[in-house]
Amino acid sequence: MQRPEDRPIDFRIFKTVDSVEAAYPAGAEIIGPGTASATMYVVKKGIVAVQIKGVTVEQITEGNIFGEMGIVDPRAHTANIFAVTDVSLSVINREQFLRLVGETPTFSLRIMRILARRIRAMNARLSEADGHVGRPAVVAQLHVVEA
């Protein structure tokens, strides 16, 4: 049996927070590196790609999210996100996100699970890349900051 946080996102939950919709044609940039925003996007239709320094690190499909890091940690984005196909998105700002977390607790668990999976995937790619270069992995020092 599928856990609630693993099911595709039910777009009806966004109606309770008056989310807006946005559409982008194939090839359009949605988020550019260096821009900061406290906005999360949910792909309703289409495919978007996440690129870092010109390398596609993930493709995001219908029912999945991107931009969530800008809500959790409002710093400038490091990735370029663009529409691979024509896309339709639900746009969620920080206030709406917090309301969704309060109204639907499994939503926050879903976001944390997505972040954890993305970190694991990036770690795997870095480990693989380090194996090809023949040098030990570089480990960044993590600093915990109280919010």
N, C-alpha and C. Protein backbone atom coordinates (compact mmCIF):
# COMPACT_ATOMS: atom_id res chain seq x y z
N MET A 1 0.84 -1.19 0.00
CA MET A 1 0.00 0.00 0.00
C MET A 1 0.88 1.25 0.00
N GLN A 2 0.51 2.20 -0.82
CA GLN A 2 1.28 3.43 -0.95
C GLN A 2 1.01 4.36 0.24
N ARG A 3 2.09 4.95 0.77
CA ARG A 3 1.92 5.92 1.84
C ARG A 3 1.38 7.21 1.24
N PRO A 4 0.60 7.99 2.01
CA PRO A 4 0.02 9.24 1.47
C PRO A 4 1.07 10.19 0.90
N GLU A 5 2.25 10.26 1.53
CA GLU A 5 3.27 11.20 1.06
C GLU A 5 3.95 10.74 -0.21
N ASP A 6 3.72 9.48 -0.63
CA ASP A 6 4.32 8.97 -1.87
C ASP A 6 3.37 9.03 -3.06
N ARG A 7 2.12 9.33 -2.81
CA ARG A 7 1.15 9.40 -3.90
C ARG A 7 1.37 10.67 -4.72
N PRO A 8 0.95 10.65 -5.99
CA PRO A 8 1.03 11.89 -6.79
C PRO A 8 0.25 13.00 -6.08
N ILE A 9 0.71 14.22 -6.27
CA ILE A 9 0.06 15.35 -5.61
C ILE A 9 -1.35 15.54 -6.16
N ASP A 10 -2.29 15.68 -5.25
CA ASP A 10 -3.68 15.94 -5.61
C ASP A 10 -3.82 17.46 -5.74
N PHE A 11 -4.00 17.93 -6.96
CA PHE A 11 -4.01 19.37 -7.22
C PHE A 11 -5.15 20.10 -6.52
N ARG A 12 -6.13 19.39 -6.04
CA ARG A 12 -7.25 20.04 -5.34
C ARG A 12 -6.80 20.75 -4.07
N ILE A 13 -5.68 20.29 -3.46
CA ILE A 13 -5.24 20.95 -2.22
C ILE A 13 -4.79 22.38 -2.47
N PHE A 14 -4.40 22.70 -3.69
CA PHE A 14 -3.93 24.06 -3.98
C PHE A 14 -5.08 25.06 -4.13
N LYS A 15 -6.26 24.56 -4.37
CA LYS A 15 -7.43 25.46 -4.46
C LYS A 15 -7.72 26.11 -3.12
N THR A 16 -7.40 25.41 -2.00
CA THR A 16 -7.68 25.97 -0.68
C THR A 16 -6.79 27.15 -0.35
N VAL A 17 -5.67 27.29 -1.06
CA VAL A 17 -4.75 28.40 -0.79
C VAL A 17 -4.72 29.40 -1.94
N ASP A 18 -5.66 29.27 -2.86
CA ASP A 18 -5.77 30.20 -4.00
C ASP A 18 -4.47 30.30 -4.79
N SER A 19 -3.88 29.16 -5.10
CA SER A 19 -2.66 29.18 -5.90
C SER A 19 -2.99 29.67 -7.31
N VAL A 20 -2.01 30.25 -7.95
CA VAL A 20 -2.20 30.72 -9.32
C VAL A 20 -1.56 29.71 -10.27
N GLU A 21 -1.95 29.78 -11.52
CA GLU A 21 -1.37 28.92 -12.52
C GLU A 21 -0.51 29.75 -13.45
N ALA A 22 0.54 29.12 -13.96
CA ALA A 22 1.40 29.77 -14.93
C ALA A 22 1.67 28.78 -16.06
N ALA A 23 1.86 29.30 -17.25
CA ALA A 23 2.16 28.45 -18.41
C ALA A 23 3.42 28.97 -19.08
N TYR A 24 4.25 28.04 -19.52
CA TYR A 24 5.49 28.37 -20.22
C TYR A 24 5.59 27.51 -21.47
N PRO A 25 6.01 28.10 -22.58
CA PRO A 25 6.21 27.29 -23.79
C PRO A 25 7.52 26.50 -23.70
N ALA A 26 7.61 25.45 -24.49
CA ALA A 26 8.84 24.64 -24.53
C ALA A 26 10.04 25.55 -24.80
N GLY A 27 11.11 25.34 -24.03
CA GLY A 27 12.33 26.12 -24.19
C GLY A 27 12.43 27.35 -23.30
N ALA A 28 11.33 27.75 -22.68
CA ALA A 28 11.33 28.96 -21.84
C ALA A 28 12.03 28.71 -20.51
N GLU A 29 12.79 29.73 -20.07
CA GLU A 29 13.41 29.66 -18.74
C GLU A 29 12.35 30.00 -17.70
N ILE A 30 12.27 29.18 -16.65
CA ILE A 30 11.32 29.41 -15.57
C ILE A 30 12.03 30.02 -14.37
N ILE A 31 13.20 29.48 -14.04
CA ILE A 31 14.04 30.02 -12.97
C ILE A 31 15.47 30.08 -13.52
N GLY A 32 16.13 31.20 -13.28
CA GLY A 32 17.51 31.35 -13.71
C GLY A 32 18.44 31.33 -12.52
N PRO A 33 19.67 30.88 -12.72
CA PRO A 33 20.64 30.90 -11.62
C PRO A 33 20.89 32.33 -11.16
N GLY A 34 21.06 32.49 -9.86
CA GLY A 34 21.31 33.81 -9.30
C GLY A 34 20.05 34.55 -8.88
N THR A 35 18.88 34.05 -9.27
CA THR A 35 17.63 34.69 -8.86
C THR A 35 17.17 34.08 -7.54
N ALA A 36 16.56 34.90 -6.73
CA ALA A 36 16.03 34.43 -5.45
C ALA A 36 14.52 34.57 -5.47
N SER A 37 13.85 33.56 -4.95
CA SER A 37 12.39 33.65 -4.84
C SER A 37 11.92 32.68 -3.78
N ALA A 38 10.86 33.03 -3.12
CA ALA A 38 10.24 32.14 -2.14
C ALA A 38 8.99 31.56 -2.79
N THR A 39 9.21 30.84 -3.89
CA THR A 39 8.12 30.28 -4.67
C THR A 39 8.43 28.84 -5.01
N MET A 40 7.41 28.00 -4.89
CA MET A 40 7.51 26.60 -5.27
C MET A 40 6.55 26.37 -6.43
N TYR A 41 6.92 25.49 -7.33
CA TYR A 41 6.09 25.19 -8.49
C TYR A 41 5.72 23.71 -8.49
N VAL A 42 4.50 23.42 -8.90
CA VAL A 42 4.04 22.04 -9.07
C VAL A 42 3.71 21.87 -10.55
N VAL A 43 4.29 20.87 -11.17
CA VAL A 43 4.05 20.63 -12.59
C VAL A 43 2.68 19.96 -12.76
N LYS A 44 1.77 20.67 -13.37
CA LYS A 44 0.45 20.11 -13.66
C LYS A 44 0.43 19.37 -14.98
N LYS A 45 1.19 19.90 -15.94
CA LYS A 45 1.26 19.30 -17.27
C LYS A 45 2.61 19.62 -17.88
N GLY A 46 3.25 18.61 -18.48
CA GLY A 46 4.50 18.83 -19.17
C GLY A 46 5.72 18.36 -18.39
N ILE A 47 6.88 18.76 -18.90
CA ILE A 47 8.17 18.36 -18.32
C ILE A 47 9.08 19.57 -18.24
N VAL A 48 9.76 19.72 -17.09
CA VAL A 48 10.78 20.75 -16.94
C VAL A 48 12.12 20.07 -16.66
N ALA A 49 13.20 20.74 -17.00
CA ALA A 49 14.55 20.22 -16.75
C ALA A 49 15.28 21.15 -15.81
N VAL A 50 16.08 20.54 -14.94
CA VAL A 50 16.94 21.26 -14.01
C VAL A 50 18.37 21.10 -14.51
N GLN A 51 19.01 22.23 -14.76
CA GLN A 51 20.39 22.19 -15.24
C GLN A 51 21.28 22.98 -14.28
N ILE A 52 22.46 22.42 -14.06
CA ILE A 52 23.49 23.12 -13.29
C ILE A 52 24.72 23.17 -14.17
N LYS A 53 25.16 24.38 -14.46
CA LYS A 53 26.32 24.60 -15.35
C LYS A 53 26.16 23.84 -16.66
N GLY A 54 24.95 23.88 -17.22
CA GLY A 54 24.69 23.29 -18.52
C GLY A 54 24.46 21.79 -18.52
N VAL A 55 24.52 21.15 -17.36
CA VAL A 55 24.31 19.70 -17.27
C VAL A 55 22.93 19.45 -16.67
N THR A 56 22.10 18.67 -17.37
CA THR A 56 20.78 18.34 -16.85
C THR A 56 20.95 17.33 -15.72
N VAL A 57 20.49 17.71 -14.53
CA VAL A 57 20.61 16.84 -13.37
C VAL A 57 19.29 16.16 -13.01
N GLU A 58 18.19 16.67 -13.55
CA GLU A 58 16.89 16.07 -13.27
C GLU A 58 15.86 16.59 -14.26
N GLN A 59 14.91 15.72 -14.58
CA GLN A 59 13.73 16.15 -15.32
C GLN A 59 12.54 15.94 -14.39
N ILE A 60 11.68 16.94 -14.32
CA ILE A 60 10.55 16.91 -13.40
C ILE A 60 9.27 16.82 -14.22
N THR A 61 8.44 15.85 -13.86
CA THR A 61 7.23 15.56 -14.63
C THR A 61 5.98 15.92 -13.83
N GLU A 62 4.84 15.67 -14.44
CA GLU A 62 3.54 16.00 -13.86
C GLU A 62 3.38 15.45 -12.45
N GLY A 63 2.86 16.32 -11.57
CA GLY A 63 2.62 15.94 -10.18
C GLY A 63 3.83 16.10 -9.28
N ASN A 64 4.94 16.59 -9.82
CA ASN A 64 6.15 16.78 -9.02
C ASN A 64 6.45 18.26 -8.87
N ILE A 65 7.40 18.57 -7.99
CA ILE A 65 7.66 19.97 -7.62
C ILE A 65 9.09 20.39 -7.93
N PHE A 66 9.27 21.70 -7.97
CA PHE A 66 10.61 22.30 -8.00
C PHE A 66 10.50 23.69 -7.41
N GLY A 67 11.64 24.26 -7.04
CA GLY A 67 11.68 25.59 -6.44
C GLY A 67 11.45 25.58 -4.94
N GLU A 68 11.20 24.40 -4.36
CA GLU A 68 10.89 24.31 -2.93
C GLU A 68 12.04 24.79 -2.06
N MET A 69 13.27 24.70 -2.55
CA MET A 69 14.41 25.15 -1.75
C MET A 69 14.34 26.65 -1.50
N GLY A 70 13.74 27.41 -2.42
CA GLY A 70 13.59 28.84 -2.24
C GLY A 70 12.65 29.21 -1.11
N ILE A 71 11.72 28.32 -0.79
CA ILE A 71 10.81 28.55 0.34
C ILE A 71 11.52 28.16 1.64
N VAL A 72 12.21 27.03 1.61
CA VAL A 72 12.89 26.52 2.80
C VAL A 72 14.10 27.37 3.15
N ASP A 73 14.84 27.80 2.13
CA ASP A 73 16.07 28.58 2.33
C ASP A 73 16.13 29.65 1.23
N PRO A 74 15.62 30.85 1.52
CA PRO A 74 15.47 31.87 0.47
C PRO A 74 16.78 32.52 0.01
N ARG A 75 17.64 31.72 -0.59
CA ARG A 75 18.88 32.24 -1.19
C ARG A 75 18.75 32.13 -2.70
N ALA A 76 19.70 32.71 -3.38
CA ALA A 76 19.67 32.68 -4.84
C ALA A 76 19.75 31.24 -5.35
N HIS A 77 18.97 30.96 -6.39
CA HIS A 77 18.98 29.63 -7.01
C HIS A 77 20.32 29.40 -7.71
N THR A 78 20.76 28.15 -7.71
CA THR A 78 22.00 27.79 -8.40
C THR A 78 21.71 27.10 -9.72
N ALA A 79 20.48 26.67 -9.91
CA ALA A 79 20.13 25.91 -11.12
C ALA A 79 19.37 26.78 -12.11
N ASN A 80 19.36 26.30 -13.33
CA ASN A 80 18.55 26.88 -14.39
C ASN A 80 17.43 25.87 -14.63
N ILE A 81 16.20 26.33 -14.57
CA ILE A 81 15.07 25.43 -14.80
C ILE A 81 14.30 25.95 -16.00
N PHE A 82 14.10 25.07 -16.98
CA PHE A 82 13.40 25.48 -18.18
C PHE A 82 12.40 24.43 -18.61
N ALA A 83 11.45 24.85 -19.42
CA ALA A 83 10.41 23.96 -19.93
C ALA A 83 10.96 23.12 -21.07
N VAL A 84 10.87 21.81 -20.93
CA VAL A 84 11.27 20.90 -22.00
C VAL A 84 10.13 20.82 -23.01
N THR A 85 8.90 20.75 -22.48
CA THR A 85 7.69 20.77 -23.30
C THR A 85 6.88 21.98 -22.85
N ASP A 86 5.78 22.27 -23.49
CA ASP A 86 4.87 23.27 -22.97
C ASP A 86 4.45 22.79 -21.58
N VAL A 87 4.48 23.70 -20.58
CA VAL A 87 4.14 23.29 -19.22
C VAL A 87 3.07 24.19 -18.62
N SER A 88 2.32 23.58 -17.72
CA SER A 88 1.34 24.28 -16.91
C SER A 88 1.74 24.02 -15.46
N LEU A 89 1.85 25.08 -14.67
CA LEU A 89 2.35 24.98 -13.30
C LEU A 89 1.39 25.60 -12.30
N SER A 90 1.32 25.04 -11.10
CA SER A 90 0.69 25.71 -9.97
C SER A 90 1.82 26.42 -9.24
N VAL A 91 1.61 27.69 -8.92
CA VAL A 91 2.64 28.51 -8.28
C VAL A 91 2.21 28.73 -6.82
N ILE A 92 3.12 28.35 -5.91
CA ILE A 92 2.83 28.42 -4.47
C ILE A 92 3.87 29.33 -3.81
N ASN A 93 3.40 30.40 -3.15
CA ASN A 93 4.34 31.28 -2.44
C ASN A 93 4.53 30.79 -1.01
N ARG A 94 5.41 31.44 -0.27
CA ARG A 94 5.75 30.99 1.08
C ARG A 94 4.53 30.95 2.01
N GLU A 95 3.71 31.97 1.97
CA GLU A 95 2.52 32.03 2.83
C GLU A 95 1.58 30.87 2.50
N GLN A 96 1.37 30.62 1.22
CA GLN A 96 0.50 29.51 0.80
C GLN A 96 1.10 28.17 1.21
N PHE A 97 2.41 28.04 1.07
CA PHE A 97 3.11 26.83 1.46
C PHE A 97 2.88 26.54 2.95
N LEU A 98 3.06 27.56 3.80
CA LEU A 98 2.87 27.37 5.24
C LEU A 98 1.44 26.99 5.57
N ARG A 99 0.48 27.56 4.84
CA ARG A 99 -0.92 27.19 5.03
C ARG A 99 -1.16 25.73 4.64
N LEU A 100 -0.56 25.30 3.53
CA LEU A 100 -0.69 23.91 3.10
C LEU A 100 -0.10 22.95 4.13
N VAL A 101 1.05 23.31 4.69
CA VAL A 101 1.68 22.47 5.70
C VAL A 101 0.76 22.35 6.92
N GLY A 102 0.14 23.45 7.32
CA GLY A 102 -0.78 23.43 8.47
C GLY A 102 -2.04 22.63 8.20
N GLU A 103 -2.57 22.74 6.99
CA GLU A 103 -3.83 22.07 6.65
C GLU A 103 -3.64 20.60 6.25
N THR A 104 -2.47 20.29 5.69
CA THR A 104 -2.21 18.94 5.18
C THR A 104 -0.82 18.51 5.66
N PRO A 105 -0.72 17.99 6.88
CA PRO A 105 0.59 17.65 7.43
C PRO A 105 1.43 16.71 6.56
N THR A 106 0.81 15.81 5.83
CA THR A 106 1.59 14.90 4.98
C THR A 106 2.27 15.65 3.83
N PHE A 107 1.79 16.85 3.53
CA PHE A 107 2.42 17.65 2.47
C PHE A 107 3.85 18.00 2.85
N SER A 108 4.08 18.38 4.13
CA SER A 108 5.45 18.72 4.55
C SER A 108 6.34 17.49 4.53
N LEU A 109 5.81 16.33 4.89
CA LEU A 109 6.59 15.10 4.83
C LEU A 109 6.95 14.77 3.38
N ARG A 110 6.04 15.02 2.48
CA ARG A 110 6.31 14.80 1.06
C ARG A 110 7.45 15.70 0.58
N ILE A 111 7.44 16.97 0.99
CA ILE A 111 8.50 17.90 0.60
C ILE A 111 9.84 17.44 1.16
N MET A 112 9.86 17.04 2.43
CA MET A 112 11.11 16.56 3.03
C MET A 112 11.61 15.31 2.32
N ARG A 113 10.71 14.43 1.97
CA ARG A 113 11.12 13.20 1.27
C ARG A 113 11.70 13.54 -0.11
N ILE A 114 11.10 14.48 -0.81
CA ILE A 114 11.63 14.89 -2.12
C ILE A 114 13.02 15.48 -1.97
N LEU A 115 13.21 16.36 -0.97
CA LEU A 115 14.54 16.94 -0.74
C LEU A 115 15.56 15.85 -0.41
N ALA A 116 15.17 14.89 0.43
CA ALA A 116 16.09 13.81 0.79
C ALA A 116 16.47 12.98 -0.43
N ARG A 117 15.50 12.67 -1.28
CA ARG A 117 15.79 11.88 -2.48
C ARG A 117 16.71 12.64 -3.43
N ARG A 118 16.51 13.93 -3.54
CA ARG A 118 17.37 14.73 -4.43
C ARG A 118 18.79 14.81 -3.89
N ILE A 119 18.93 14.93 -2.58
CA ILE A 119 20.27 14.95 -1.98
C ILE A 119 20.96 13.61 -2.20
N ARG A 120 20.24 12.52 -2.00
CA ARG A 120 20.83 11.19 -2.23
C ARG A 120 21.26 11.02 -3.68
N ALA A 121 20.42 11.46 -4.61
CA ALA A 121 20.75 11.34 -6.03
C ALA A 121 21.99 12.17 -6.36
N MET A 122 22.09 13.38 -5.80
CA MET A 122 23.26 14.22 -6.05
C MET A 122 24.51 13.59 -5.43
N ASN A 123 24.37 13.04 -4.23
CA ASN A 123 25.50 12.36 -3.60
C ASN A 123 25.98 11.19 -4.46
N ALA A 124 25.04 10.44 -5.02
CA ALA A 124 25.42 9.31 -5.88
C ALA A 124 26.15 9.79 -7.12
N ARG A 125 25.67 10.88 -7.72
CA ARG A 125 26.35 11.43 -8.91
C ARG A 125 27.74 11.92 -8.56
N LEU A 126 27.88 12.57 -7.42
CA LEU A 126 29.20 13.06 -6.99
C LEU A 126 30.15 11.90 -6.71
N SER A 127 29.64 10.86 -6.07
CA SER A 127 30.48 9.69 -5.79
C SER A 127 30.92 9.03 -7.09
N GLU A 128 30.01 8.93 -8.03
CA GLU A 128 30.34 8.34 -9.33
C GLU A 128 31.38 9.19 -10.06
N ALA A 129 31.20 10.51 -10.03
CA ALA A 129 32.15 11.41 -10.69
C ALA A 129 33.51 11.33 -10.03
N ASP A 130 33.55 11.26 -8.71
CA ASP A 130 34.83 11.15 -8.00
C ASP A 130 35.53 9.85 -8.35
N GLY A 131 34.78 8.78 -8.55
CA GLY A 131 35.35 7.50 -8.92
C GLY A 131 36.01 7.55 -10.28
N HIS A 132 35.47 8.35 -11.19
CA HIS A 132 36.05 8.47 -12.52
C HIS A 132 37.31 9.34 -12.53
N VAL A 133 37.38 10.28 -11.63
CA VAL A 133 38.50 11.21 -11.60
C VAL A 133 39.69 10.59 -10.86
N GLY A 134 39.40 9.65 -9.96
CA GLY A 134 40.48 9.00 -9.22
C GLY A 134 40.98 9.80 -8.05
N ARG A 135 40.12 10.61 -7.47
CA ARG A 135 40.52 11.37 -6.29
C ARG A 135 39.44 11.21 -5.23
N PRO A 136 39.77 11.40 -3.97
CA PRO A 136 38.77 11.26 -2.92
C PRO A 136 37.71 12.34 -3.03
N ALA A 137 36.54 12.01 -2.56
CA ALA A 137 35.43 12.96 -2.59
C ALA A 137 35.73 14.15 -1.68
N VAL A 138 35.30 15.31 -2.11
CA VAL A 138 35.43 16.51 -1.30
C VAL A 138 34.16 16.62 -0.48
N VAL A 139 34.31 16.75 0.81
CA VAL A 139 33.16 16.84 1.72
C VAL A 139 33.06 18.27 2.23
N ALA A 140 31.92 18.90 1.97
CA ALA A 140 31.71 20.26 2.44
C ALA A 140 31.38 20.24 3.93
N GLN A 141 31.82 21.24 4.63
CA GLN A 141 31.51 21.35 6.04
C GLN A 141 30.10 21.93 6.17
N LEU A 142 29.28 21.27 6.96
CA LEU A 142 27.89 21.68 7.14
C LEU A 142 27.78 22.54 8.41
N HIS A 143 27.20 23.70 8.26
CA HIS A 143 26.99 24.59 9.39
C HIS A 143 25.49 24.66 9.66
N VAL A 144 25.09 24.35 10.87
CA VAL A 144 23.68 24.42 11.25
C VAL A 144 23.40 25.82 11.74
N VAL A 145 22.39 26.43 11.15
CA VAL A 145 22.02 27.79 11.52
C VAL A 145 20.64 27.75 12.12
N GLU A 146 20.49 28.30 13.30
CA GLU A 146 19.17 28.37 13.93
C GLU A 146 18.32 29.41 13.22
N ALA A 147 17.10 29.05 12.87
CA ALA A 147 16.20 29.99 12.18
C ALA A 147 15.41 30.80 13.17
